Protein backbone atom coordinates (compact mmCIF):
# COMPACT_ATOMS: atom_id res chain seq x y z
CA UNK A 1 -52.75 -48.62 70.82
CA UNK A 2 -50.34 -50.19 68.33
CA UNK A 3 -46.75 -49.16 68.36
CA UNK A 4 -44.96 -49.04 65.28
CA UNK A 5 -41.36 -50.35 65.79
CA UNK A 6 -38.75 -47.50 65.52
CA UNK A 7 -36.93 -49.29 62.43
CA UNK A 8 -40.21 -49.60 60.43
CA UNK A 9 -41.10 -46.02 61.35
CA UNK A 10 -37.67 -44.62 60.04
CA UNK A 11 -37.95 -46.42 56.96
CA UNK A 12 -41.37 -45.12 56.16
CA UNK A 13 -39.88 -41.47 56.82
CA UNK A 14 -36.99 -42.15 54.56
CA UNK A 15 -39.34 -43.62 51.50
CA UNK A 16 -41.59 -40.52 52.27
CA UNK A 17 -38.90 -38.13 51.69
CA UNK A 18 -37.55 -39.64 48.70
CA UNK A 19 -40.82 -39.90 47.17
CA UNK A 20 -41.68 -36.04 47.64
CA UNK A 21 -38.24 -35.34 46.25
CA UNK A 22 -38.79 -37.49 43.19
CA UNK A 23 -42.21 -35.97 42.63
CA UNK A 24 -40.62 -32.25 42.91
CA UNK A 25 -37.87 -33.23 40.59
CA UNK A 26 -40.16 -34.52 37.86
CA UNK A 27 -42.30 -31.30 38.27
CA UNK A 28 -39.18 -29.21 37.75
CA UNK A 29 -37.66 -31.16 34.73
CA UNK A 30 -41.02 -31.08 32.67
CA UNK A 31 -41.10 -27.56 31.88
CA UNK A 32 -37.33 -27.29 31.33
CA UNK A 33 -37.68 -30.22 28.90
CA UNK A 34 -40.55 -28.41 27.07
CA UNK A 35 -38.39 -25.11 26.88
CA UNK A 36 -35.66 -26.92 25.23
CA UNK A 37 -37.81 -28.78 22.55
CA UNK A 38 -40.85 -27.01 22.35
CA UNK A 39 -42.19 -24.85 19.27
CA UNK A 40 -41.75 -21.28 19.77
CA UNK A 41 -39.03 -21.53 22.47
CA UNK A 42 -36.35 -22.29 19.61
CA UNK A 43 -37.27 -19.79 17.10
CA UNK A 44 -35.19 -16.94 18.59
CA UNK A 45 -32.19 -19.21 18.81
CA UNK A 46 -32.34 -20.43 15.16
CA UNK A 47 -32.99 -16.72 14.14
CA UNK A 48 -29.65 -15.80 15.86
CA UNK A 49 -27.99 -18.77 14.25
CA UNK A 50 -29.08 -17.58 10.80
CA UNK A 51 -27.96 -13.94 11.30
CA UNK A 52 -24.58 -15.07 12.55
CA UNK A 53 -24.25 -17.50 9.40
CA UNK A 54 -25.19 -14.54 6.98
CA UNK A 55 -22.62 -12.40 8.55
CA UNK A 56 -19.69 -14.69 8.60
CA UNK A 57 -17.08 -14.72 5.72
CA UNK A 58 -17.31 -18.20 4.22
CA UNK A 59 -14.62 -20.58 2.97
CA UNK A 60 -15.25 -23.06 0.15
CA UNK A 61 -13.48 -25.65 2.03
CA UNK A 62 -12.01 -26.54 5.48
CA UNK A 63 -8.38 -27.22 4.49
CA UNK A 64 -7.45 -23.57 3.26
CA UNK A 65 -7.64 -20.83 5.90
CA UNK A 66 -9.12 -17.34 4.93
CA UNK A 67 -7.86 -14.14 6.34
CA UNK A 68 -9.57 -10.84 5.24
CA UNK A 69 -7.38 -7.49 5.63
CA UNK A 70 -6.82 -4.06 4.22
CA UNK A 71 -7.36 -0.56 5.12
CA UNK A 72 -9.21 2.45 4.17
CA UNK A 73 -7.12 5.83 3.33
CA UNK A 74 -8.43 9.06 2.40
CA UNK A 75 -7.12 12.71 2.27
CA UNK A 76 -8.68 15.90 2.12
CA UNK A 77 -5.89 18.34 0.46
CA UNK A 78 -5.86 21.98 0.16
CA UNK A 79 -3.68 23.19 -2.84
CA UNK A 80 -2.26 26.36 -4.33
CA UNK A 81 -0.65 26.55 -7.67
CA UNK A 82 0.48 30.18 -7.71
CA UNK A 83 -2.33 31.31 -9.27
CA UNK A 84 -5.40 29.27 -7.98
CA UNK A 85 -6.32 27.44 -4.98
CA UNK A 86 -8.77 24.80 -3.88
CA UNK A 87 -9.62 21.76 -1.89
CA UNK A 88 -9.96 18.04 -3.19
CA UNK A 89 -11.09 14.94 -1.64
CA UNK A 90 -9.01 11.75 -2.81
CA UNK A 91 -7.37 8.47 -2.20
CA UNK A 92 -3.57 7.67 -2.10
CA UNK A 93 -3.01 6.63 -5.86
CA UNK A 94 -2.82 3.40 -7.54
CA UNK A 95 -0.62 0.99 -5.60
CA UNK A 96 -1.46 2.25 -2.19
CA UNK A 97 -5.27 2.98 -2.26
CA UNK A 98 -7.67 2.00 -0.22
CA UNK A 99 -8.02 -1.94 -0.58
CA UNK A 100 -9.11 -5.23 0.71
CA UNK A 101 -6.77 -8.40 0.66
CA UNK A 102 -8.09 -11.98 0.83
CA UNK A 103 -5.31 -14.55 1.67
CA UNK A 104 -5.20 -17.87 2.64
CA UNK A 105 -3.01 -20.97 3.12
CA UNK A 106 -2.86 -24.73 3.72
CA UNK A 107 -0.42 -27.30 4.71
CA UNK A 108 0.58 -29.79 2.43
CA UNK A 109 2.90 -31.94 4.63
CA UNK A 110 5.34 -30.83 7.25
CA UNK A 111 7.43 -27.83 6.31
CA UNK A 112 5.46 -27.41 2.77
CA UNK A 113 2.43 -24.76 2.67
CA UNK A 114 0.54 -23.25 -0.41
CA UNK A 115 -1.47 -20.03 -0.50
CA UNK A 116 -2.88 -17.39 -2.26
CA UNK A 117 -3.48 -13.55 -2.22
CA UNK A 118 -6.19 -11.55 -3.81
CA UNK A 119 -5.93 -7.65 -3.37
CA UNK A 120 -8.71 -5.43 -4.78
CA UNK A 121 -8.29 -1.66 -4.67
CA UNK A 122 -10.69 1.33 -4.71
CA UNK A 123 -9.67 3.59 -7.59
CA UNK A 124 -12.69 5.66 -7.62
CA UNK A 125 -10.78 8.72 -6.58
CA UNK A 126 -7.30 8.19 -7.65
CA UNK A 127 -5.18 11.26 -7.42
CA UNK A 128 -2.28 9.92 -9.39
CA UNK A 129 -4.15 8.84 -12.86
CA UNK A 130 -2.30 7.27 -15.57
CA UNK A 131 -0.02 8.40 -18.41
CA UNK A 132 -1.27 10.58 -20.97
CA UNK A 133 -2.16 13.32 -18.66
CA UNK A 134 -5.16 11.84 -17.15
CA UNK A 135 -5.41 12.35 -13.46
CA UNK A 136 -6.67 15.05 -10.94
CA UNK A 137 -5.45 18.36 -11.82
CA UNK A 138 -6.83 21.82 -11.49
CA UNK A 139 -9.63 21.27 -13.99
CA UNK A 140 -10.42 17.77 -12.79
CA UNK A 141 -11.17 17.28 -9.07
CA UNK A 142 -12.09 13.71 -9.49
CA UNK A 143 -11.13 10.75 -11.28
CA UNK A 144 -13.04 7.32 -11.28
CA UNK A 145 -11.17 4.26 -12.47
CA UNK A 146 -13.48 1.99 -10.53
CA UNK A 147 -12.43 -1.20 -8.61
CA UNK A 148 -9.16 -2.81 -9.55
CA UNK A 149 -8.04 -6.45 -8.87
CA UNK A 150 -4.63 -5.32 -8.35
CA UNK A 151 -2.96 -8.72 -7.05
CA UNK A 152 -3.98 -12.41 -7.95
CA UNK A 153 -1.41 -14.98 -7.04
CA UNK A 154 -0.60 -18.41 -5.57
CA UNK A 155 2.50 -19.68 -3.95
CA UNK A 156 4.18 -22.93 -2.72
CA UNK A 157 6.60 -22.10 0.12
CA UNK A 158 9.14 -24.43 2.06
CA UNK A 159 10.71 -23.25 5.09
CA UNK A 160 14.02 -24.37 4.10
CA UNK A 161 13.78 -24.01 0.33
CA UNK A 162 11.98 -20.74 -0.18
CA UNK A 163 8.81 -19.68 -2.08
CA UNK A 164 7.88 -19.69 -5.43
CA UNK A 165 4.72 -17.65 -6.55
CA UNK A 166 3.02 -17.02 -9.83
CA UNK A 167 0.35 -14.58 -11.01
CA UNK A 168 -0.25 -10.98 -10.87
CA UNK A 169 1.96 -9.88 -8.12
CA UNK A 170 4.70 -7.77 -6.32
CA UNK A 171 7.98 -8.63 -8.19
CA UNK A 172 11.49 -8.95 -6.81
CA UNK A 173 12.86 -5.33 -6.79
CA UNK A 174 9.34 -3.33 -6.42
CA UNK A 175 9.84 -0.78 -3.60
CA UNK A 176 13.24 -2.45 -2.82
CA UNK A 177 14.28 1.15 -1.22
CA UNK A 178 10.95 2.42 -0.22
CA UNK A 179 10.12 -0.65 1.78
CA UNK A 180 12.88 -0.31 4.02
CA UNK A 181 10.82 2.83 5.72
CA UNK A 182 9.89 1.49 9.07
CA UNK A 183 8.64 4.78 10.43
CA UNK A 184 4.89 3.91 10.21
CA UNK A 185 4.72 6.60 7.47
CA UNK A 186 5.70 4.82 4.23
CA UNK A 187 2.17 4.60 3.11
CA UNK A 188 0.87 8.06 3.52
CA UNK A 189 4.19 9.75 2.41
CA UNK A 190 7.06 8.48 0.53
CA UNK A 191 9.32 9.80 -2.42
CA UNK A 192 6.98 8.51 -4.93
CA UNK A 193 3.87 10.49 -6.39
CA UNK A 194 1.50 7.67 -5.78
CA UNK A 195 -0.03 9.94 -3.21
CA UNK A 196 0.95 13.07 -5.07
CA UNK A 197 -0.26 15.18 -7.83
CA UNK A 198 1.86 14.61 -10.87
CA UNK A 199 -0.87 15.60 -13.08
CA UNK A 200 -1.15 19.13 -12.00
CA UNK A 201 -0.32 21.44 -14.83
CA UNK A 202 2.64 23.58 -13.89
CA UNK A 203 2.09 27.57 -13.92
CA UNK A 204 4.28 29.59 -16.00
CA UNK A 205 4.28 33.56 -15.66
CA UNK A 206 1.03 33.44 -13.64
CA UNK A 207 -0.93 31.22 -15.97
CA UNK A 208 -1.11 27.39 -16.63
CA UNK A 209 1.58 26.91 -19.25
CA UNK A 210 0.12 26.54 -22.83
CA UNK A 211 1.95 23.39 -23.51
CA UNK A 212 0.09 21.77 -20.37
CA UNK A 213 3.57 20.52 -18.90
CA UNK A 214 2.66 18.65 -15.70
CA UNK A 215 4.83 17.84 -12.78
CA UNK A 216 4.75 14.38 -13.73
CA UNK A 217 6.80 15.19 -17.05
CA UNK A 218 9.56 16.28 -14.76
CA UNK A 219 9.42 12.86 -12.45
CA UNK A 220 8.80 10.26 -15.35
CA UNK A 221 10.20 6.72 -15.13
CA UNK A 222 10.66 4.93 -18.37
CA UNK A 223 10.90 1.38 -16.90
CA UNK A 224 7.05 1.52 -16.52
CA UNK A 225 6.36 4.57 -18.28
CA UNK A 226 4.65 6.33 -15.51
CA UNK A 227 5.45 9.45 -13.47
CA UNK A 228 6.43 7.77 -10.13
CA UNK A 229 9.23 10.15 -9.37
CA UNK A 230 10.87 7.40 -7.25
CA UNK A 231 10.34 3.86 -6.99
CA UNK A 232 10.41 3.67 -10.70
CA UNK A 233 9.40 -0.10 -10.70
CA UNK A 234 6.18 0.60 -8.75
CA UNK A 235 3.47 -1.46 -10.57
CA UNK A 236 2.30 -5.10 -9.92
CA UNK A 237 2.35 -7.50 -13.07
CA UNK A 238 2.08 -10.81 -14.19
CA UNK A 239 5.19 -13.15 -13.73
CA UNK A 240 7.04 -15.75 -11.65
CA UNK A 241 8.84 -14.91 -8.46
CA UNK A 242 11.15 -16.96 -6.11
CA UNK A 243 12.28 -15.73 -2.51
CA UNK A 244 14.80 -17.55 -0.51
CA UNK A 245 14.55 -18.30 3.16
CA UNK A 246 15.68 -15.76 5.36
CA UNK A 247 19.38 -16.19 6.02
CA UNK A 248 21.01 -14.18 9.09
CA UNK A 249 18.48 -11.50 8.16
CA UNK A 250 19.07 -11.69 4.34
CA UNK A 251 16.26 -12.53 1.66
CA UNK A 252 17.02 -12.50 -1.86
CA UNK A 253 14.34 -12.44 -4.66
CA UNK A 254 14.44 -12.88 -8.46
CA UNK A 255 11.52 -12.58 -10.78
CA UNK A 256 10.50 -12.77 -14.54
CA UNK A 257 7.47 -11.65 -16.75
CA UNK A 258 6.79 -12.31 -20.12
CA UNK A 259 7.65 -10.00 -23.13
CA UNK A 260 9.96 -9.20 -21.11
CA UNK A 261 11.28 -7.95 -17.81
CA UNK A 262 13.37 -9.43 -15.15
CA UNK A 263 14.35 -8.34 -11.81
CA UNK A 264 16.35 -9.04 -8.80
CA UNK A 265 16.42 -7.87 -5.07
CA UNK A 266 18.11 -8.31 -1.87
CA UNK A 267 16.72 -7.26 1.46
CA UNK A 268 18.09 -7.37 5.00
CA UNK A 269 16.49 -6.41 8.59
CA UNK A 270 17.37 -6.88 11.94
CA UNK A 271 17.81 -5.09 15.45
CA UNK A 272 21.00 -4.74 17.62
CA UNK A 273 22.54 -2.68 20.39
CA UNK A 274 19.25 -0.74 20.65
CA UNK A 275 18.88 0.21 17.09
CA UNK A 276 16.46 -1.08 14.24
CA UNK A 277 18.05 -1.43 10.76
CA UNK A 278 16.59 -2.29 7.31
CA UNK A 279 18.24 -2.27 3.83
CA UNK A 280 17.24 -2.85 0.44
CA UNK A 281 18.70 -2.94 -3.17
CA UNK A 282 16.95 -3.75 -6.45
CA UNK A 283 17.70 -3.87 -10.19
CA UNK A 284 15.01 -4.18 -12.96
CA UNK A 285 15.39 -4.74 -16.75
CA UNK A 286 12.41 -3.66 -18.90
CA UNK A 287 11.68 -4.08 -22.57
CA UNK A 288 8.05 -4.48 -22.29
CA UNK A 289 5.37 -1.65 -22.85
CA UNK A 290 2.58 -3.09 -21.27
CA UNK A 291 2.47 -0.95 -17.95
CA UNK A 292 2.02 2.70 -18.69
CA UNK A 293 2.03 3.90 -22.07
CA UNK A 294 4.63 5.71 -24.47
CA UNK A 295 3.75 7.44 -27.80
CA UNK A 296 3.53 5.13 -30.86
CA UNK A 297 6.73 4.81 -32.53
CA UNK A 298 8.82 4.60 -29.26
CA UNK A 299 11.01 1.77 -28.17
CA UNK A 300 11.65 0.97 -24.53
CA UNK A 301 14.83 -0.73 -23.21
CA UNK A 302 15.42 0.73 -19.76
CA UNK A 303 17.07 -0.41 -16.69
CA UNK A 304 16.60 0.78 -13.14
CA UNK A 305 18.72 0.46 -9.85
CA UNK A 306 17.41 1.62 -6.33
CA UNK A 307 19.00 1.48 -2.95
CA UNK A 308 17.36 2.46 0.46
CA UNK A 309 17.77 1.87 4.00
CA UNK A 310 16.42 3.02 7.35
CA UNK A 311 17.90 3.33 10.97
CA UNK A 312 16.11 3.91 14.15
CA UNK A 313 17.36 4.48 17.59
CA UNK A 314 14.62 2.53 19.49
CA UNK A 315 15.07 4.23 23.05
CA UNK A 316 14.84 7.71 21.71
CA UNK A 317 12.54 7.14 18.46
CA UNK A 318 15.11 9.20 16.48
CA UNK A 319 15.18 7.86 12.68
CA UNK A 320 16.39 8.53 9.08
CA UNK A 321 15.33 6.92 5.80
CA UNK A 322 17.24 7.45 2.73
CA UNK A 323 16.56 6.22 -0.75
CA UNK A 324 18.40 6.64 -4.22
CA UNK A 325 17.38 5.66 -7.81
CA UNK A 326 19.17 5.46 -11.09
CA UNK A 327 17.51 4.81 -14.41
CA UNK A 328 19.62 3.98 -17.55
CA UNK A 329 17.68 4.71 -21.00
CA UNK A 330 20.65 4.69 -23.34
CA UNK A 331 18.73 1.94 -25.56
CA UNK A 332 15.24 3.75 -25.17
CA UNK A 333 13.96 5.83 -28.00
CA UNK A 334 10.99 8.23 -27.72
CA UNK A 335 8.50 9.65 -30.20
CA UNK A 336 7.97 13.27 -29.42
CA UNK A 337 7.11 16.43 -31.09
CA UNK A 338 10.87 17.00 -32.27
CA UNK A 339 11.07 13.35 -33.51
CA UNK A 340 12.49 10.31 -32.29
CA UNK A 341 14.77 11.02 -29.01
CA UNK A 342 16.78 9.07 -26.56
CA UNK A 343 15.75 10.35 -23.00
CA UNK A 344 18.58 11.28 -20.66
CA UNK A 345 19.63 8.90 -17.79
CA UNK A 346 18.22 10.13 -14.63
CA UNK A 347 18.46 10.08 -10.97
CA UNK A 348 16.56 10.68 -7.76
CA UNK A 349 17.38 10.67 -4.08
CA UNK A 350 15.29 11.34 -0.89
CA UNK A 351 15.74 11.51 2.84
CA UNK A 352 13.17 11.49 5.62
CA UNK A 353 14.36 12.38 9.14
CA UNK A 354 12.48 12.67 12.43
CA UNK A 355 11.26 11.01 15.80
CA UNK A 356 8.79 8.47 16.79
CA UNK A 357 7.71 8.43 20.23
CA UNK A 358 4.81 7.34 22.46
CA UNK A 359 4.01 10.69 23.96
CA UNK A 360 0.23 9.92 24.71
CA UNK A 361 -1.62 6.64 25.71
CA UNK A 362 -3.24 6.71 22.25
CA UNK A 363 0.02 5.29 20.40
CA UNK A 364 3.24 6.88 18.65
CA UNK A 365 3.56 10.19 17.46
CA UNK A 366 5.83 10.71 14.35
CA UNK A 367 7.17 13.99 13.56
CA UNK A 368 9.58 14.40 10.45
CA UNK A 369 10.71 16.50 7.58
CA UNK A 370 11.62 15.29 4.06
CA UNK A 371 13.45 16.17 1.08
CA UNK A 372 13.63 14.78 -2.61
CA UNK A 373 15.08 15.76 -6.04
CA UNK A 374 14.39 14.50 -9.20
CA UNK A 375 17.27 15.14 -11.74
CA UNK A 376 16.50 14.94 -15.77
CA UNK A 377 13.60 12.71 -15.15
CA UNK A 378 12.12 14.18 -18.43
CA UNK A 379 9.04 12.50 -20.20
CA UNK A 380 8.02 12.32 -23.72
CA UNK A 381 5.84 15.67 -23.24
CA UNK A 382 8.90 17.47 -21.60
CA UNK A 383 11.30 16.13 -24.29
CA UNK A 384 8.95 17.53 -27.10
CA UNK A 385 9.22 21.05 -25.57
CA UNK A 386 12.80 21.35 -26.00
CA UNK A 387 13.90 20.92 -22.17
CA UNK A 388 17.05 19.24 -21.74
CA UNK A 389 17.94 19.25 -18.17
CA UNK A 390 15.52 19.39 -15.24
CA UNK A 391 15.55 19.82 -11.58
CA UNK A 392 12.42 19.10 -9.52
CA UNK A 393 12.63 19.54 -5.72
CA UNK A 394 9.83 18.29 -3.38
CA UNK A 395 10.23 18.95 0.29
CA UNK A 396 7.87 19.17 3.22
CA UNK A 397 6.96 17.70 6.60
CA UNK A 398 4.23 15.52 8.74
CA UNK A 399 2.90 15.09 11.93
CA UNK A 400 0.95 11.73 12.49
CA UNK A 401 -0.68 10.27 15.37
CA UNK A 402 -0.96 6.63 15.63
CA UNK A 403 -4.40 5.31 17.47
CA UNK A 404 -3.56 1.87 18.61
CA UNK A 405 -7.05 0.99 19.83
CA UNK A 406 -8.56 1.54 16.41
CA UNK A 407 -5.32 0.20 14.19
CA UNK A 408 -5.62 3.91 12.72
CA UNK A 409 -3.10 6.85 11.91
CA UNK A 410 -4.24 10.37 11.62
CA UNK A 411 -2.00 12.86 9.90
CA UNK A 412 -1.36 16.35 8.73
CA UNK A 413 1.06 16.70 5.67
CA UNK A 414 2.77 19.57 4.00
CA UNK A 415 4.41 19.57 0.48
CA UNK A 416 6.12 21.98 -1.77
CA UNK A 417 6.79 21.52 -5.43
CA UNK A 418 9.60 23.55 -7.26
CA UNK A 419 11.43 22.87 -10.58
CA UNK A 420 13.97 24.37 -12.78
CA UNK A 421 14.55 23.67 -16.41
CA UNK A 422 16.93 24.31 -19.19
CA UNK A 423 16.83 24.05 -23.12
CA UNK A 424 15.98 25.42 -26.47
CA UNK A 425 12.91 27.43 -27.18
CA UNK A 426 11.39 27.32 -23.55
CA UNK A 427 10.17 30.84 -23.62
CA UNK A 428 8.43 30.35 -27.03
CA UNK A 429 6.60 27.00 -25.60
CA UNK A 430 5.62 28.84 -22.28
CA UNK A 431 7.66 26.88 -19.90
CA UNK A 432 10.74 29.04 -19.20
CA UNK A 433 9.68 30.46 -15.77
CA UNK A 434 7.90 27.62 -13.81
CA UNK A 435 5.88 28.59 -10.54
CA UNK A 436 5.88 26.46 -7.38
CA UNK A 437 2.99 24.92 -5.85
CA UNK A 438 2.17 23.78 -2.37
CA UNK A 439 -0.06 21.12 -1.03
CA UNK A 440 -1.46 20.56 2.55
CA UNK A 441 -3.31 17.44 3.38
CA UNK A 442 -5.47 16.05 6.17
CA UNK A 443 -5.99 12.49 6.21
CA UNK A 444 -6.39 9.16 7.86
CA UNK A 445 -5.64 5.36 7.45
CA UNK A 446 -7.33 2.70 9.20
CA UNK A 447 -6.47 -0.99 9.03
CA UNK A 448 -8.75 -3.75 9.55
């Protein structure tokens, strides 16, 4: 009997085990390799990649960032004008309507950036309408103005020198007062009629007045020749704007646009001792007739001053927002049914006060009341009827619930319109005794 030495036997066992392991490993790797590189095995992966590419926002280059944002905003409104009631579905007017924004920027060098902003609105259900009586009223439940490129501008920014921007954009004084509202309800409710019904015809003696006098003719701004009520400089326009860097909470702005308008604005925001504070002032000078329309033969040279502020006690959520505006029309003349007239200087003021608290896990609940007065804001139609003085009061209240998980706000809003007018021959023109109107809106806004 041959006896294999122990050393040789041990080496043989080791080699045998290694050979078996190598064969097993090779067999296990072969199918895996086929799965990675074989024909049908990759079809599903390629299909998923193609689907992802098809649903991904593409950029023209890798140097400029791209951000897509915006919001959807719709309301259902029940209204009663004193003689008729109905329910309408609509958006939030021409500057705060449903929109999508495309923004981007790129670094030029340390401290220097360039960027752009494009904002496209959906005006297919614009309640506000435009000058000339075109808008949603008792006889017209819809107004389709289609999509609108509201903003298209580029800018260059330096962290120490400020920003200059060129194109169709928000200018220096726009919404300087209204923009101070930090309650979370500025878009859905303000002292403007951007989300209101200025084209509704006022009833007089139970009937729609025969002269078709609208609420907008008692809340008319000559700076941009539109029925804004407040924030008379409310439409974006082509021009050049410069903004300073923020210095101790202050930011100053100046802008100019062709043929001709210019504006200046100053804004301030900070938190201190448990309070949140925001302030804004603006001044606009307009001789340009390119926004809203005045009757043929009119000449516009109007100036508008505005100021506003917001104060909130952070711990309790109690807040107040106030705004004021004054329009100087001494150099403006308007062609009316009574001839060429100079509109009166006008003013308006507004207060919104309430509480903002997180009472539920959903998000903050905002409850407030508001009141506004529009004094002698007489449009060309009102002047042509012999109205010399007017007081238009708008008041109401809102409860809004923010839903943080969906970046959403749901709200229930009430508004009441009342007006008094004085002048000659008002009874003859059927506008001597104006009736009130009520509006109750249920709406939602969701950001993306």
